[in-house]
Amino acid sequence: MKPILSSLACAALISLGSAASAAECYADYKAKQDNPLRLHYGIMQVSACDKGQAQQEVTQRLNASGWTLLNVLSVFGPEGLDQRKTNAGKFYLRF
């Protein structure tokens, strides 16, 4: 009985660790608006560190604000925020 409980406890800890690490994922992206043409580079916190999933999330959130995603450049952890903050300007964690 104890090995089963230990296995369940380990699985629960792994699940919690995955959820915590997902909260620390960010994507940098390029987006546009038409008429007149406006472009921006931004940083957005995303729920998944997978680039494909992040792209879907970024697309939905930008579309809701009238922007079109051009490209997700990368997905990274909190260690990459400081080096990108200046370039993102007012679009740093805006959406």
C-alpha atoms as a PDB file:
ATOM      1  CA  MET A   1       0.000   0.000   0.000  1.00  0.00           C
ATOM      2  CA  LYS A   2       2.834   2.421   0.811  1.00  0.00           C
ATOM      3  CA  PRO A   3       4.425   2.148  -2.672  1.00  0.00           C
ATOM      4  CA  ILE A   4       1.100   3.116  -4.261  1.00  0.00           C
ATOM      5  CA  LEU A   5       0.745   6.142  -1.988  1.00  0.00           C
ATOM      6  CA  SER A   6       4.329   7.159  -2.703  1.00  0.00           C
ATOM      7  CA  SER A   7       3.688   6.921  -6.435  1.00  0.00           C
ATOM      8  CA  LEU A   8       0.536   9.018  -6.129  1.00  0.00           C
ATOM      9  CA  ALA A   9       2.361  11.612  -4.054  1.00  0.00           C
ATOM     10  CA  CYS A  10       5.151  11.831  -6.640  1.00  0.00           C
ATOM     11  CA  ALA A  11       2.632  12.224  -9.461  1.00  0.00           C
ATOM     12  CA  ALA A  12       0.869  14.998  -7.559  1.00  0.00           C
ATOM     13  CA  LEU A  13       4.144  16.853  -6.974  1.00  0.00           C
ATOM     14  CA  ILE A  14       5.097  16.557 -10.632  1.00  0.00           C
ATOM     15  CA  SER A  15       1.686  17.962 -11.631  1.00  0.00           C
ATOM     16  CA  LEU A  16       2.064  20.879  -9.249  1.00  0.00           C
ATOM     17  CA  GLY A  17       5.575  21.560 -10.545  1.00  0.00           C
ATOM     18  CA  SER A  18       4.329  21.582 -14.118  1.00  0.00           C
ATOM     19  CA  ALA A  19       1.577  24.051 -13.269  1.00  0.00           C
ATOM     20  CA  ALA A  20       4.026  26.331 -11.486  1.00  0.00           C
ATOM     21  CA  SER A  21       6.496  26.300 -14.350  1.00  0.00           C
ATOM     22  CA  ALA A  22       3.719  26.994 -16.879  1.00  0.00           C
ATOM     23  CA  ALA A  23       2.939  30.202 -15.017  1.00  0.00           C
ATOM     24  CA  GLU A  24       6.487  31.355 -15.694  1.00  0.00           C
ATOM     25  CA  CYS A  25       6.382  31.205 -19.493  1.00  0.00           C
ATOM     26  CA  TYR A  26       6.530  34.239 -21.750  1.00  0.00           C
ATOM     27  CA  ALA A  27       6.389  34.757 -25.508  1.00  0.00           C
ATOM     28  CA  ASP A  28       7.854  37.593 -27.514  1.00  0.00           C
ATOM     29  CA  TYR A  29       5.982  38.341 -30.704  1.00  0.00           C
ATOM     30  CA  LYS A  30       5.390  40.775 -33.550  1.00  0.00           C
ATOM     31  CA  ALA A  31       1.891  42.014 -34.400  1.00  0.00           C
ATOM     32  CA  LYS A  32       0.165  44.454 -36.750  1.00  0.00           C
ATOM     33  CA  GLN A  33      -2.998  46.471 -37.297  1.00  0.00           C
ATOM     34  CA  ASP A  34      -4.192  47.667 -40.705  1.00  0.00           C
ATOM     35  CA  ASN A  35      -5.640  51.014 -41.839  1.00  0.00           C
ATOM     36  CA  PRO A  36      -3.383  52.673 -40.898  1.00  0.00           C
ATOM     37  CA  LEU A  37      -0.616  50.120 -40.690  1.00  0.00           C
ATOM     38  CA  ARG A  38       0.786  49.835 -37.162  1.00  0.00           C
ATOM     39  CA  LEU A  39       3.389  47.329 -36.002  1.00  0.00           C
ATOM     40  CA  HIS A  40       4.540  46.367 -32.557  1.00  0.00           C
ATOM     41  CA  TYR A  41       6.869  44.015 -30.716  1.00  0.00           C
ATOM     42  CA  GLY A  42       5.595  42.741 -27.380  1.00  0.00           C
ATOM     43  CA  ILE A  43       6.006  40.317 -24.516  1.00  0.00           C
ATOM     44  CA  MET A  44       3.078  38.310 -23.192  1.00  0.00           C
ATOM     45  CA  GLN A  45       2.844  35.825 -20.332  1.00  0.00           C
ATOM     46  CA  VAL A  46       1.462  32.540 -21.665  1.00  0.00           C
ATOM     47  CA  SER A  47       0.136  29.418 -20.003  1.00  0.00           C
ATOM     48  CA  ALA A  48       2.347  26.957 -21.917  1.00  0.00           C
ATOM     49  CA  CYS A  49       6.044  26.916 -22.725  1.00  0.00           C
ATOM     50  CA  ASP A  50       5.334  25.136 -26.020  1.00  0.00           C
ATOM     51  CA  LYS A  51       5.726  27.532 -28.960  1.00  0.00           C
ATOM     52  CA  GLY A  52       2.730  26.136 -30.858  1.00  0.00           C
ATOM     53  CA  GLN A  53       0.384  26.442 -27.896  1.00  0.00           C
ATOM     54  CA  ALA A  54       1.771  29.870 -27.075  1.00  0.00           C
ATOM     55  CA  GLN A  55       1.120  30.981 -30.665  1.00  0.00           C
ATOM     56  CA  GLN A  56      -2.555  30.016 -30.374  1.00  0.00           C
ATOM     57  CA  GLU A  57      -2.917  31.853 -27.082  1.00  0.00           C
ATOM     58  CA  VAL A  58      -1.140  34.985 -28.316  1.00  0.00           C
ATOM     59  CA  THR A  59      -3.261  34.992 -31.498  1.00  0.00           C
ATOM     60  CA  GLN A  60      -6.524  34.841 -29.535  1.00  0.00           C
ATOM     61  CA  ARG A  61      -5.555  37.547 -27.070  1.00  0.00           C
ATOM     62  CA  LEU A  62      -4.254  39.910 -29.752  1.00  0.00           C
ATOM     63  CA  ASN A  63      -7.286  39.358 -32.007  1.00  0.00           C
ATOM     64  CA  ALA A  64      -9.557  40.326 -29.117  1.00  0.00           C
ATOM     65  CA  SER A  65      -7.768  43.697 -29.050  1.00  0.00           C
ATOM     66  CA  GLY A  66      -7.807  44.270 -32.813  1.00  0.00           C
ATOM     67  CA  TRP A  67      -4.252  43.103 -33.529  1.00  0.00           C
ATOM     68  CA  THR A  68      -3.051  40.362 -35.888  1.00  0.00           C
ATOM     69  CA  LEU A  69      -0.155  38.146 -34.849  1.00  0.00           C
ATOM     70  CA  LEU A  70       2.682  38.115 -37.354  1.00  0.00           C
ATOM     71  CA  ASN A  71       5.071  35.791 -35.524  1.00  0.00           C
ATOM     72  CA  VAL A  72       5.914  34.341 -32.126  1.00  0.00           C
ATOM     73  CA  LEU A  73       9.675  34.773 -32.005  1.00  0.00           C
ATOM     74  CA  SER A  74      10.407  32.677 -28.919  1.00  0.00           C
ATOM     75  CA  VAL A  75       9.010  31.272 -25.694  1.00  0.00           C
ATOM     76  CA  PHE A  76      11.159  31.703 -22.588  1.00  0.00           C
ATOM     77  CA  GLY A  77      11.172  31.831 -18.800  1.00  0.00           C
ATOM     78  CA  PRO A  78      11.470  34.794 -16.438  1.00  0.00           C
ATOM     79  CA  GLU A  79      15.231  34.940 -16.966  1.00  0.00           C
ATOM     80  CA  GLY A  80      14.633  36.468 -20.420  1.00  0.00           C
ATOM     81  CA  LEU A  81      12.313  39.289 -19.376  1.00  0.00           C
ATOM     82  CA  ASP A  82      14.823  41.991 -18.453  1.00  0.00           C
ATOM     83  CA  GLN A  83      16.741  41.819 -21.730  1.00  0.00           C
ATOM     84  CA  ARG A  84      13.512  42.244 -23.763  1.00  0.00           C
ATOM     85  CA  LYS A  85      11.651  44.792 -21.623  1.00  0.00           C
ATOM     86  CA  THR A  86      13.076  47.931 -23.239  1.00  0.00           C
ATOM     87  CA  ASN A  87      12.356  46.732 -26.785  1.00  0.00           C
ATOM     88  CA  ALA A  88       8.737  45.879 -25.919  1.00  0.00           C
ATOM     89  CA  GLY A  89       8.046  49.334 -24.469  1.00  0.00           C
ATOM     90  CA  LYS A  90       4.330  49.843 -23.820  1.00  0.00           C
ATOM     91  CA  PHE A  91       3.609  46.319 -25.092  1.00  0.00           C
ATOM     92  CA  TYR A  92       5.594  44.706 -22.286  1.00  0.00           C
ATOM     93  CA  LEU A  93       3.080  42.368 -20.585  1.00  0.00           C
ATOM     94  CA  ARG A  94       0.216  44.520 -21.906  1.00  0.00           C
ATOM     95  CA  PHE A  95      -2.005  41.665 -23.100  1.00  0.00           C
END
